[in-house]
């Protein structure tokens, strides 16, 4: 499954009616320990990803998807105004070992 596929997990038609534009080509992924990294939306979902922020070109709305702790299914958990801060780092434990390759 790719990050782009997360948009299809909710009513894709509803999202397309709201935003007929293309999704941005990068997204922000979060691990369980709050490390975050930038990924291309056409990349395979990283096994350590627990939360993903995606957005469309144009409107400033972030779609936050979260992997359910029990089922492993991805679900839309939040939709909020703003832009995704595209940065790679581990803000809460900067000295810990990174789970995302781009942060090593």
PDB file of N, CA and C in Angstrom:
ATOM      1  N   UNK A   1       0.846  -1.176   0.000  1.00  0.00           N
ATOM      2  CA  UNK A   1       0.000   0.000   0.000  1.00  0.00           C
ATOM      3  C   UNK A   1       0.893   1.241   0.000  1.00  0.00           C
ATOM      4  N   UNK A   2       0.485   2.237  -0.774  1.00  0.00           N
ATOM      5  CA  UNK A   2       1.231   3.490  -0.874  1.00  0.00           C
ATOM      6  C   UNK A   2       0.510   4.589  -0.110  1.00  0.00           C
ATOM      7  N   UNK A   3       1.251   5.648   0.217  1.00  0.00           N
ATOM      8  CA  UNK A   3       0.642   6.756   0.956  1.00  0.00           C
ATOM      9  C   UNK A   3      -0.529   7.348   0.185  1.00  0.00           C
ATOM     10  N   UNK A   4      -0.424   7.410  -1.136  1.00  0.00           N
ATOM     11  CA  UNK A   4      -1.502   7.931  -1.973  1.00  0.00           C
ATOM     12  C   UNK A   4      -2.804   7.145  -1.749  1.00  0.00           C
ATOM     13  N   UNK A   5      -2.678   5.839  -1.485  1.00  0.00           N
ATOM     14  CA  UNK A   5      -3.848   4.994  -1.303  1.00  0.00           C
ATOM     15  C   UNK A   5      -4.662   5.359  -0.069  1.00  0.00           C
ATOM     16  N   UNK A   6      -4.075   6.062   0.876  1.00  0.00           N
ATOM     17  CA  UNK A   6      -4.815   6.447   2.076  1.00  0.00           C
ATOM     18  C   UNK A   6      -5.989   7.346   1.737  1.00  0.00           C
ATOM     19  N   UNK A   7      -5.858   8.168   0.703  1.00  0.00           N
ATOM     20  CA  UNK A   7      -6.978   9.023   0.293  1.00  0.00           C
ATOM     21  C   UNK A   7      -8.174   8.187  -0.134  1.00  0.00           C
ATOM     22  N   UNK A   8      -7.949   6.975  -0.626  1.00  0.00           N
ATOM     23  CA  UNK A   8      -9.063   6.151  -1.090  1.00  0.00           C
ATOM     24  C   UNK A   8      -9.746   5.414   0.054  1.00  0.00           C
ATOM     25  N   UNK A   9      -9.166   5.431   1.245  1.00  0.00           N
ATOM     26  CA  UNK A   9      -9.774   4.712   2.355  1.00  0.00           C
ATOM     27  C   UNK A   9     -11.012   5.407   2.891  1.00  0.00           C
ATOM     28  N   UNK A  10     -11.102   6.713   2.717  1.00  0.00           N
ATOM     29  CA  UNK A  10     -12.344   7.413   3.020  1.00  0.00           C
ATOM     30  C   UNK A  10     -13.030   7.618   1.678  1.00  0.00           C
ATOM     31  N   UNK A  11     -14.172   8.174   1.685  1.00  0.00           N
ATOM     32  CA  UNK A  11     -14.889   8.363   0.431  1.00  0.00           C
ATOM     33  C   UNK A  11     -14.073   9.222  -0.522  1.00  0.00           C
ATOM     34  N   UNK A  12     -13.423   8.576  -1.456  1.00  0.00           N
ATOM     35  CA  UNK A  12     -12.592   9.327  -2.419  1.00  0.00           C
ATOM     36  C   UNK A  12     -13.447  10.323  -3.194  1.00  0.00           C
ATOM     37  N   UNK A  13     -14.672   9.923  -3.522  1.00  0.00           N
ATOM     38  CA  UNK A  13     -15.551  10.825  -4.262  1.00  0.00           C
ATOM     39  C   UNK A  13     -15.805  12.095  -3.448  1.00  0.00           C
ATOM     40  N   UNK A  14     -15.998  11.940  -2.147  1.00  0.00           N
ATOM     41  CA  UNK A  14     -16.239  13.107  -1.299  1.00  0.00           C
ATOM     42  C   UNK A  14     -15.012  14.007  -1.271  1.00  0.00           C
ATOM     43  N   UNK A  15     -13.839  13.406  -1.163  1.00  0.00           N
ATOM     44  CA  UNK A  15     -12.611  14.202  -1.161  1.00  0.00           C
ATOM     45  C   UNK A  15     -12.419  14.901  -2.504  1.00  0.00           C
ATOM     46  N   UNK A  16     -12.701  14.207  -3.603  1.00  0.00           N
ATOM     47  CA  UNK A  16     -12.534  14.809  -4.920  1.00  0.00           C
ATOM     48  C   UNK A  16     -13.526  15.948  -5.135  1.00  0.00           C
ATOM     49  N   UNK A  17     -14.745  15.800  -4.590  1.00  0.00           N
ATOM     50  CA  UNK A  17     -15.716  16.884  -4.705  1.00  0.00           C
ATOM     51  C   UNK A  17     -15.262  18.101  -3.916  1.00  0.00           C
ATOM     52  N   UNK A  18     -14.633  17.869  -2.763  1.00  0.00           N
ATOM     53  CA  UNK A  18     -14.125  18.977  -1.970  1.00  0.00           C
ATOM     54  C   UNK A  18     -12.889  19.590  -2.613  1.00  0.00           C
ATOM     55  N   UNK A  19     -12.008  18.739  -3.124  1.00  0.00           N
ATOM     56  CA  UNK A  19     -10.729  19.185  -3.666  1.00  0.00           C
ATOM     57  C   UNK A  19     -10.434  18.421  -4.955  1.00  0.00           C
ATOM     58  N   UNK A  20     -10.883  18.940  -6.088  1.00  0.00           N
ATOM     59  CA  UNK A  20     -10.641  18.233  -7.345  1.00  0.00           C
ATOM     60  C   UNK A  20      -9.189  18.345  -7.821  1.00  0.00           C
ATOM     61  N   UNK A  21      -8.323  18.887  -6.981  1.00  0.00           N
ATOM     62  CA  UNK A  21      -6.919  19.062  -7.334  1.00  0.00           C
ATOM     63  C   UNK A  21      -6.125  17.808  -7.007  1.00  0.00           C
ATOM     64  N   UNK A  22      -4.887  17.794  -7.469  1.00  0.00           N
ATOM     65  CA  UNK A  22      -3.994  16.674  -7.194  1.00  0.00           C
ATOM     66  C   UNK A  22      -3.437  16.760  -5.772  1.00  0.00           C
ATOM     67  N   UNK A  23      -3.177  15.612  -5.158  1.00  0.00           N
ATOM     68  CA  UNK A  23      -2.509  15.656  -3.851  1.00  0.00           C
ATOM     69  C   UNK A  23      -1.068  16.146  -4.019  1.00  0.00           C
ATOM     70  N   UNK A  24      -0.536  16.767  -2.972  1.00  0.00           N
ATOM     71  CA  UNK A  24       0.872  17.166  -3.005  1.00  0.00           C
ATOM     72  C   UNK A  24       1.720  15.915  -3.093  1.00  0.00           C
ATOM     73  N   UNK A  25       2.901  16.033  -3.668  1.00  0.00           N
ATOM     74  CA  UNK A  25       3.748  14.869  -3.951  1.00  0.00           C
ATOM     75  C   UNK A  25       4.541  14.370  -2.749  1.00  0.00           C
ATOM     76  N   UNK A  26       4.500  15.111  -1.642  1.00  0.00           N
ATOM     77  CA  UNK A  26       5.188  14.677  -0.432  1.00  0.00           C
ATOM     78  C   UNK A  26       4.217  14.681   0.737  1.00  0.00           C
ATOM     79  N   UNK A  27       4.500  13.818   1.697  1.00  0.00           N
ATOM     80  CA  UNK A  27       3.681  13.752   2.894  1.00  0.00           C
ATOM     81  C   UNK A  27       4.614  13.638   4.098  1.00  0.00           C
ATOM     82  N   UNK A  28       4.061  13.806   5.276  1.00  0.00           N
ATOM     83  CA  UNK A  28       4.839  13.691   6.504  1.00  0.00           C
ATOM     84  C   UNK A  28       4.377  12.443   7.233  1.00  0.00           C
ATOM     85  N   UNK A  29       5.330  11.588   7.597  1.00  0.00           N
ATOM     86  CA  UNK A  29       4.993  10.362   8.315  1.00  0.00           C
ATOM     87  C   UNK A  29       5.545  10.445   9.731  1.00  0.00           C
ATOM     88  N   UNK A  30       4.817   9.846  10.666  1.00  0.00           N
ATOM     89  CA  UNK A  30       5.185   9.862  12.082  1.00  0.00           C
ATOM     90  C   UNK A  30       5.307   8.427  12.576  1.00  0.00           C
ATOM     91  N   UNK A  31       6.295   8.196  13.419  1.00  0.00           N
ATOM     92  CA  UNK A  31       6.440   6.881  14.053  1.00  0.00           C
ATOM     93  C   UNK A  31       5.743   6.916  15.410  1.00  0.00           C
ATOM     94  N   UNK A  32       5.721   5.782  16.071  1.00  0.00           N
ATOM     95  CA  UNK A  32       5.098   5.694  17.390  1.00  0.00           C
ATOM     96  C   UNK A  32       5.806   6.595  18.403  1.00  0.00           C
ATOM     97  N   UNK A  33       7.131   6.770  18.256  1.00  0.00           N
ATOM     98  CA  UNK A  33       7.869   7.617  19.208  1.00  0.00           C
ATOM     99  C   UNK A  33       7.956   9.075  18.740  1.00  0.00           C
ATOM    100  N   UNK A  34       7.077   9.470  17.829  1.00  0.00           N
ATOM    101  CA  UNK A  34       6.926  10.847  17.335  1.00  0.00           C
ATOM    102  C   UNK A  34       8.055  11.317  16.428  1.00  0.00           C
ATOM    103  N   UNK A  35       8.868  10.410  15.949  1.00  0.00           N
ATOM    104  CA  UNK A  35       9.849  10.791  14.935  1.00  0.00           C
ATOM    105  C   UNK A  35       9.072  11.048  13.646  1.00  0.00           C
ATOM    106  N   UNK A  36       9.496  12.030  12.869  1.00  0.00           N
ATOM    107  CA  UNK A  36       8.810  12.263  11.606  1.00  0.00           C
ATOM    108  C   UNK A  36       9.806  12.384  10.463  1.00  0.00           C
ATOM    109  N   UNK A  37       9.291  12.082   9.275  1.00  0.00           N
ATOM    110  CA  UNK A  37      10.108  12.089   8.066  1.00  0.00           C
ATOM    111  C   UNK A  37       9.222  12.426   6.878  1.00  0.00           C
ATOM    112  N   UNK A  38       9.850  12.926   5.836  1.00  0.00           N
ATOM    113  CA  UNK A  38       9.142  13.259   4.600  1.00  0.00           C
ATOM    114  C   UNK A  38       9.223  12.059   3.663  1.00  0.00           C
ATOM    115  N   UNK A  39       8.095  11.745   3.037  1.00  0.00           N
ATOM    116  CA  UNK A  39       8.045  10.637   2.083  1.00  0.00           C
ATOM    117  C   UNK A  39       7.287  11.089   0.833  1.00  0.00           C
ATOM    118  N   UNK A  40       7.577  10.456  -0.280  1.00  0.00           N
ATOM    119  CA  UNK A  40       6.817  10.706  -1.510  1.00  0.00           C
ATOM    120  C   UNK A  40       5.486   9.972  -1.396  1.00  0.00           C
ATOM    121  N   UNK A  41       4.427  10.550  -1.925  1.00  0.00           N
ATOM    122  CA  UNK A  41       3.122   9.896  -1.771  1.00  0.00           C
ATOM    123  C   UNK A  41       3.028   8.597  -2.565  1.00  0.00           C
ATOM    124  N   UNK A  42       3.937   8.389  -3.495  1.00  0.00           N
ATOM    125  CA  UNK A  42       3.928   7.137  -4.256  1.00  0.00           C
ATOM    126  C   UNK A  42       4.848   6.077  -3.661  1.00  0.00           C
ATOM    127  N   UNK A  43       5.465   6.364  -2.499  1.00  0.00           N
ATOM    128  CA  UNK A  43       6.279   5.368  -1.791  1.00  0.00           C
ATOM    129  C   UNK A  43       5.372   4.379  -1.076  1.00  0.00           C
ATOM    130  N   UNK A  44       5.912   3.190  -0.843  1.00  0.00           N
ATOM    131  CA  UNK A  44       5.208   2.210  -0.005  1.00  0.00           C
ATOM    132  C   UNK A  44       5.178   2.733   1.435  1.00  0.00           C
ATOM    133  N   UNK A  45       4.106   2.473   2.152  1.00  0.00           N
ATOM    134  CA  UNK A  45       4.002   2.921   3.540  1.00  0.00           C
ATOM    135  C   UNK A  45       5.054   2.197   4.375  1.00  0.00           C
ATOM    136  N   UNK A  46       5.854   2.978   5.088  1.00  0.00           N
ATOM    137  CA  UNK A  46       6.922   2.435   5.920  1.00  0.00           C
ATOM    138  C   UNK A  46       6.302   1.631   7.071  1.00  0.00           C
ATOM    139  N   UNK A  47       6.880   0.467   7.414  1.00  0.00           N
ATOM    140  CA  UNK A  47       6.301  -0.358   8.482  1.00  0.00           C
ATOM    141  C   UNK A  47       6.229   0.346   9.839  1.00  0.00           C
ATOM    142  N   UNK A  48       7.096   1.324  10.074  1.00  0.00           N
ATOM    143  CA  UNK A  48       7.078   2.036  11.358  1.00  0.00           C
ATOM    144  C   UNK A  48       6.148   3.248  11.367  1.00  0.00           C
ATOM    145  N   UNK A  49       5.533   3.552  10.233  1.00  0.00           N
ATOM    146  CA  UNK A  49       4.628   4.706  10.165  1.00  0.00           C
ATOM    147  C   UNK A  49       3.354   4.404  10.947  1.00  0.00           C
ATOM    148  N   UNK A  50       3.004   5.316  11.837  1.00  0.00           N
ATOM    149  CA  UNK A  50       1.775   5.185  12.630  1.00  0.00           C
ATOM    150  C   UNK A  50       0.774   6.288  12.313  1.00  0.00           C
ATOM    151  N   UNK A  51       1.273   7.417  11.778  1.00  0.00           N
ATOM    152  CA  UNK A  51       0.416   8.543  11.419  1.00  0.00           C
ATOM    153  C   UNK A  51       0.972   9.158  10.148  1.00  0.00           C
ATOM    154  N   UNK A  52       0.095   9.594   9.271  1.00  0.00           N
ATOM    155  CA  UNK A  52       0.497  10.190   7.993  1.00  0.00           C
ATOM    156  C   UNK A  52      -0.318  11.458   7.785  1.00  0.00           C
ATOM    157  N   UNK A  53       0.380  12.530   7.388  1.00  0.00           N
ATOM    158  CA  UNK A  53      -0.287  13.783   7.027  1.00  0.00           C
ATOM    159  C   UNK A  53      -0.173  13.969   5.527  1.00  0.00           C
ATOM    160  N   UNK A  54      -1.315  14.165   4.872  1.00  0.00           N
ATOM    161  CA  UNK A  54      -1.379  14.394   3.430  1.00  0.00           C
ATOM    162  C   UNK A  54      -2.161  15.672   3.175  1.00  0.00           C
ATOM    163  N   UNK A  55      -1.905  16.298   2.025  1.00  0.00           N
ATOM    164  CA  UNK A  55      -2.703  17.465   1.646  1.00  0.00           C
ATOM    165  C   UNK A  55      -2.762  17.603   0.135  1.00  0.00           C
ATOM    166  N   UNK A  56      -3.753  18.359  -0.333  1.00  0.00           N
ATOM    167  CA  UNK A  56      -3.921  18.632  -1.758  1.00  0.00           C
ATOM    168  C   UNK A  56      -3.227  19.928  -2.125  1.00  0.00           C
ATOM    169  N   UNK A  57      -2.921  20.098  -3.414  1.00  0.00           N
ATOM    170  CA  UNK A  57      -2.418  21.376  -3.912  1.00  0.00           C
ATOM    171  C   UNK A  57      -3.547  22.395  -3.776  1.00  0.00           C
ATOM    172  N   UNK A  58      -3.222  23.578  -3.341  1.00  0.00           N
ATOM    173  CA  UNK A  58      -4.233  24.626  -3.255  1.00  0.00           C
ATOM    174  C   UNK A  58      -4.734  24.868  -1.845  1.00  0.00           C
ATOM    175  N   UNK A  59      -5.783  24.176  -1.423  1.00  0.00           N
ATOM    176  CA  UNK A  59      -6.355  24.480  -0.105  1.00  0.00           C
ATOM    177  C   UNK A  59      -5.387  24.084   1.017  1.00  0.00           C
ATOM    178  N   UNK A  60      -5.413  24.848   2.079  1.00  0.00           N
ATOM    179  CA  UNK A  60      -4.520  24.585   3.214  1.00  0.00           C
ATOM    180  C   UNK A  60      -5.212  23.694   4.240  1.00  0.00           C
ATOM    181  N   UNK A  61      -5.429  22.444   3.850  1.00  0.00           N
ATOM    182  CA  UNK A  61      -6.071  21.485   4.749  1.00  0.00           C
ATOM    183  C   UNK A  61      -5.202  20.240   4.838  1.00  0.00           C
ATOM    184  N   UNK A  62      -4.910  19.833   6.062  1.00  0.00           N
ATOM    185  CA  UNK A  62      -4.110  18.634   6.313  1.00  0.00           C
ATOM    186  C   UNK A  62      -5.067  17.494   6.647  1.00  0.00           C
ATOM    187  N   UNK A  63      -4.866  16.362   5.993  1.00  0.00           N
ATOM    188  CA  UNK A  63      -5.631  15.147   6.294  1.00  0.00           C
ATOM    189  C   UNK A  63      -4.715  14.219   7.076  1.00  0.00           C
ATOM    190  N   UNK A  64      -5.085  13.920   8.316  1.00  0.00           N
ATOM    191  CA  UNK A  64      -4.265  13.076   9.180  1.00  0.00           C
ATOM    192  C   UNK A  64      -4.871  11.677   9.241  1.00  0.00           C
ATOM    193  N   UNK A  65      -4.080  10.690   8.870  1.00  0.00           N
ATOM    194  CA  UNK A  65      -4.486   9.285   8.921  1.00  0.00           C
ATOM    195  C   UNK A  65      -3.681   8.594   9.996  1.00  0.00           C
ATOM    196  N   UNK A  66      -4.317   7.672  10.697  1.00  0.00           N
ATOM    197  CA  UNK A  66      -3.645   6.954  11.767  1.00  0.00           C
ATOM    198  C   UNK A  66      -3.894   5.460  11.626  1.00  0.00           C
ATOM    199  N   UNK A  67      -2.852   4.695  11.918  1.00  0.00           N
ATOM    200  CA  UNK A  67      -2.960   3.240  11.867  1.00  0.00           C
ATOM    201  C   UNK A  67      -3.571   2.772  13.184  1.00  0.00           C
ATOM    202  N   UNK A  68      -4.678   2.045  13.094  1.00  0.00           N
ATOM    203  CA  UNK A  68      -5.361   1.575  14.297  1.00  0.00           C
ATOM    204  C   UNK A  68      -4.459   0.613  15.055  1.00  0.00           C
ATOM    205  N   UNK A  69      -4.335   0.815  16.349  1.00  0.00           N
ATOM    206  CA  UNK A  69      -3.408   0.038  17.173  1.00  0.00           C
ATOM    207  C   UNK A  69      -3.734  -1.446  17.202  1.00  0.00           C
ATOM    208  N   UNK A  70      -5.002  -1.792  17.030  1.00  0.00           N
ATOM    209  CA  UNK A  70      -5.394  -3.205  17.150  1.00  0.00           C
ATOM    210  C   UNK A  70      -5.542  -3.880  15.787  1.00  0.00           C
ATOM    211  N   UNK A  71      -6.232  -3.229  14.868  1.00  0.00           N
ATOM    212  CA  UNK A  71      -6.526  -3.865  13.574  1.00  0.00           C
ATOM    213  C   UNK A  71      -5.435  -3.626  12.527  1.00  0.00           C
ATOM    214  N   UNK A  72      -4.670  -2.539  12.691  1.00  0.00           N
ATOM    215  CA  UNK A  72      -3.669  -2.199  11.688  1.00  0.00           C
ATOM    216  C   UNK A  72      -4.258  -1.477  10.483  1.00  0.00           C
ATOM    217  N   UNK A  73      -5.562  -1.218  10.506  1.00  0.00           N
ATOM    218  CA  UNK A  73      -6.216  -0.494   9.412  1.00  0.00           C
ATOM    219  C   UNK A  73      -5.945   1.003   9.541  1.00  0.00           C
ATOM    220  N   UNK A  74      -5.838   1.665   8.406  1.00  0.00           N
ATOM    221  CA  UNK A  74      -5.633   3.109   8.387  1.00  0.00           C
ATOM    222  C   UNK A  74      -6.979   3.807   8.353  1.00  0.00           C
ATOM    223  N   UNK A  75      -7.117   4.883   9.142  1.00  0.00           N
ATOM    224  CA  UNK A  75      -8.370   5.631   9.156  1.00  0.00           C
ATOM    225  C   UNK A  75      -8.088   7.134   9.242  1.00  0.00           C
ATOM    226  N   UNK A  76      -8.966   7.903   8.624  1.00  0.00           N
ATOM    227  CA  UNK A  76      -8.876   9.358   8.698  1.00  0.00           C
ATOM    228  C   UNK A  76      -9.292   9.764  10.107  1.00  0.00           C
ATOM    229  N   UNK A  77      -8.403  10.436  10.837  1.00  0.00           N
ATOM    230  CA  UNK A  77      -8.704  10.802  12.217  1.00  0.00           C
ATOM    231  C   UNK A  77      -8.844  12.301  12.425  1.00  0.00           C
ATOM    232  N   UNK A  78      -8.353  13.080  11.454  1.00  0.00           N
ATOM    233  CA  UNK A  78      -8.411  14.522  11.643  1.00  0.00           C
ATOM    234  C   UNK A  78      -8.288  15.235  10.297  1.00  0.00           C
ATOM    235  N   UNK A  79      -8.994  16.325  10.181  1.00  0.00           N
ATOM    236  CA  UNK A  79      -8.880  17.214   9.029  1.00  0.00           C
ATOM    237  C   UNK A  79      -8.775  18.618   9.601  1.00  0.00           C
ATOM    238  N   UNK A  80      -7.664  19.314   9.324  1.00  0.00           N
ATOM    239  CA  UNK A  80      -7.465  20.621   9.944  1.00  0.00           C
ATOM    240  C   UNK A  80      -6.805  21.587   8.972  1.00  0.00           C
ATOM    241  N   UNK A  81      -6.988  22.880   9.245  1.00  0.00           N
ATOM    242  CA  UNK A  81      -6.360  23.907   8.421  1.00  0.00           C
ATOM    243  C   UNK A  81      -4.871  23.952   8.720  1.00  0.00           C
ATOM    244  N   UNK A  82      -4.087  24.246   7.682  1.00  0.00           N
ATOM    245  CA  UNK A  82      -2.656  24.395   7.867  1.00  0.00           C
ATOM    246  C   UNK A  82      -1.881  23.777   6.725  1.00  0.00           C
ATOM    247  N   UNK A  83      -0.572  23.931   6.799  1.00  0.00           N
ATOM    248  CA  UNK A  83       0.346  23.342   5.824  1.00  0.00           C
ATOM    249  C   UNK A  83       1.251  22.366   6.547  1.00  0.00           C
ATOM    250  N   UNK A  84       1.629  21.331   5.851  1.00  0.00           N
ATOM    251  CA  UNK A  84       2.491  20.313   6.447  1.00  0.00           C
ATOM    252  C   UNK A  84       3.925  20.835   6.511  1.00  0.00           C
ATOM    253  N   UNK A  85       4.534  20.807   7.709  1.00  0.00           N
ATOM    254  CA  UNK A  85       5.945  21.189   7.814  1.00  0.00           C
ATOM    255  C   UNK A  85       6.819  20.027   7.351  1.00  0.00           C
ATOM    256  N   UNK A  86       7.364  20.118   6.158  1.00  0.00           N
ATOM    257  CA  UNK A  86       8.117  19.007   5.569  1.00  0.00           C
ATOM    258  C   UNK A  86       9.558  18.997   6.084  1.00  0.00           C
ATOM    259  N   UNK A  87       9.753  18.346   7.228  1.00  0.00           N
ATOM    260  CA  UNK A  87      11.081  18.229   7.833  1.00  0.00           C
ATOM    261  C   UNK A  87      11.307  16.795   8.303  1.00  0.00           C
ATOM    262  N   UNK A  88      12.566  16.392   8.271  1.00  0.00           N
ATOM    263  CA  UNK A  88      12.960  15.075   8.784  1.00  0.00           C
ATOM    264  C   UNK A  88      13.643  15.279  10.125  1.00  0.00           C
ATOM    265  N   UNK A  89      13.098  14.723  11.176  1.00  0.00           N
ATOM    266  CA  UNK A  89      13.809  14.736  12.452  1.00  0.00           C
ATOM    267  C   UNK A  89      13.077  13.956  13.527  1.00  0.00           C
ATOM    268  N   UNK A  90      13.708  13.912  14.666  1.00  0.00           N
ATOM    269  CA  UNK A  90      13.145  13.244  15.828  1.00  0.00           C
ATOM    270  C   UNK A  90      13.130  14.276  16.957  1.00  0.00           C
ATOM    271  N   UNK A  91      12.100  15.126  17.002  1.00  0.00           N
ATOM    272  CA  UNK A  91      12.124  16.267  17.912  1.00  0.00           C
ATOM    273  C   UNK A  91      12.070  15.916  19.389  1.00  0.00           C
ATOM    274  N   UNK A  92      11.512  14.768  19.731  1.00  0.00           N
ATOM    275  CA  UNK A  92      11.342  14.446  21.140  1.00  0.00           C
ATOM    276  C   UNK A  92      12.502  13.644  21.716  1.00  0.00           C
ATOM    277  N   UNK A  93      13.197  12.908  20.854  1.00  0.00           N
ATOM    278  CA  UNK A  93      14.355  12.126  21.280  1.00  0.00           C
ATOM    279  C   UNK A  93      15.440  12.251  20.220  1.00  0.00           C
ATOM    280  N   UNK A  94      16.051  13.430  20.101  1.00  0.00           N
ATOM    281  CA  UNK A  94      16.999  13.656  19.001  1.00  0.00           C
ATOM    282  C   UNK A  94      18.218  12.742  19.007  1.00  0.00           C
ATOM    283  N   UNK A  95      18.583  12.177  20.157  1.00  0.00           N
ATOM    284  CA  UNK A  95      19.761  11.315  20.225  1.00  0.00           C
ATOM    285  C   UNK A  95      19.434   9.834  20.057  1.00  0.00           C
ATOM    286  N   UNK A  96      18.161   9.500  19.935  1.00  0.00           N
ATOM    287  CA  UNK A  96      17.780   8.091  19.816  1.00  0.00           C
ATOM    288  C   UNK A  96      17.996   7.610  18.375  1.00  0.00           C
ATOM    289  N   UNK A  97      18.010   6.303  18.202  1.00  0.00           N
ATOM    290  CA  UNK A  97      18.195   5.744  16.865  1.00  0.00           C
ATOM    291  C   UNK A  97      16.934   5.968  16.036  1.00  0.00           C
ATOM    292  N   UNK A  98      17.109   6.396  14.805  1.00  0.00           N
ATOM    293  CA  UNK A  98      15.989   6.683  13.930  1.00  0.00           C
ATOM    294  C   UNK A  98      15.402   5.407  13.352  1.00  0.00           C
ATOM    295  N   UNK A  99      14.081   5.380  13.203  1.00  0.00           N
ATOM    296  CA  UNK A  99      13.425   4.235  12.563  1.00  0.00           C
ATOM    297  C   UNK A  99      13.256   4.485  11.061  1.00  0.00           C
ATOM    298  N   UNK A 100      13.322   5.755  10.658  1.00  0.00           N
ATOM    299  CA  UNK A 100      13.179   6.089   9.244  1.00  0.00           C
ATOM    300  C   UNK A 100      14.571   6.271   8.637  1.00  0.00           C
ATOM    301  N   UNK A 101      14.821   5.623   7.535  1.00  0.00           N
ATOM    302  CA  UNK A 101      16.129   5.636   6.888  1.00  0.00           C
ATOM    303  C   UNK A 101      16.594   7.051   6.567  1.00  0.00           C
ATOM    304  N   UNK A 102      15.694   7.908   6.139  1.00  0.00           N
ATOM    305  CA  UNK A 102      16.087   9.272   5.751  1.00  0.00           C
ATOM    306  C   UNK A 102      16.613  10.075   6.930  1.00  0.00           C
ATOM    307  N   UNK A 103      16.360   9.650   8.138  1.00  0.00           N
ATOM    308  CA  UNK A 103      16.803  10.392   9.320  1.00  0.00           C
ATOM    309  C   UNK A 103      18.105   9.851   9.898  1.00  0.00           C
ATOM    310  N   UNK A 104      18.692   8.838   9.271  1.00  0.00           N
ATOM    311  CA  UNK A 104      19.928   8.251   9.815  1.00  0.00           C
ATOM    312  C   UNK A 104      21.137   8.993   9.323  1.00  0.00           C
TER     313      UNK A 104
END
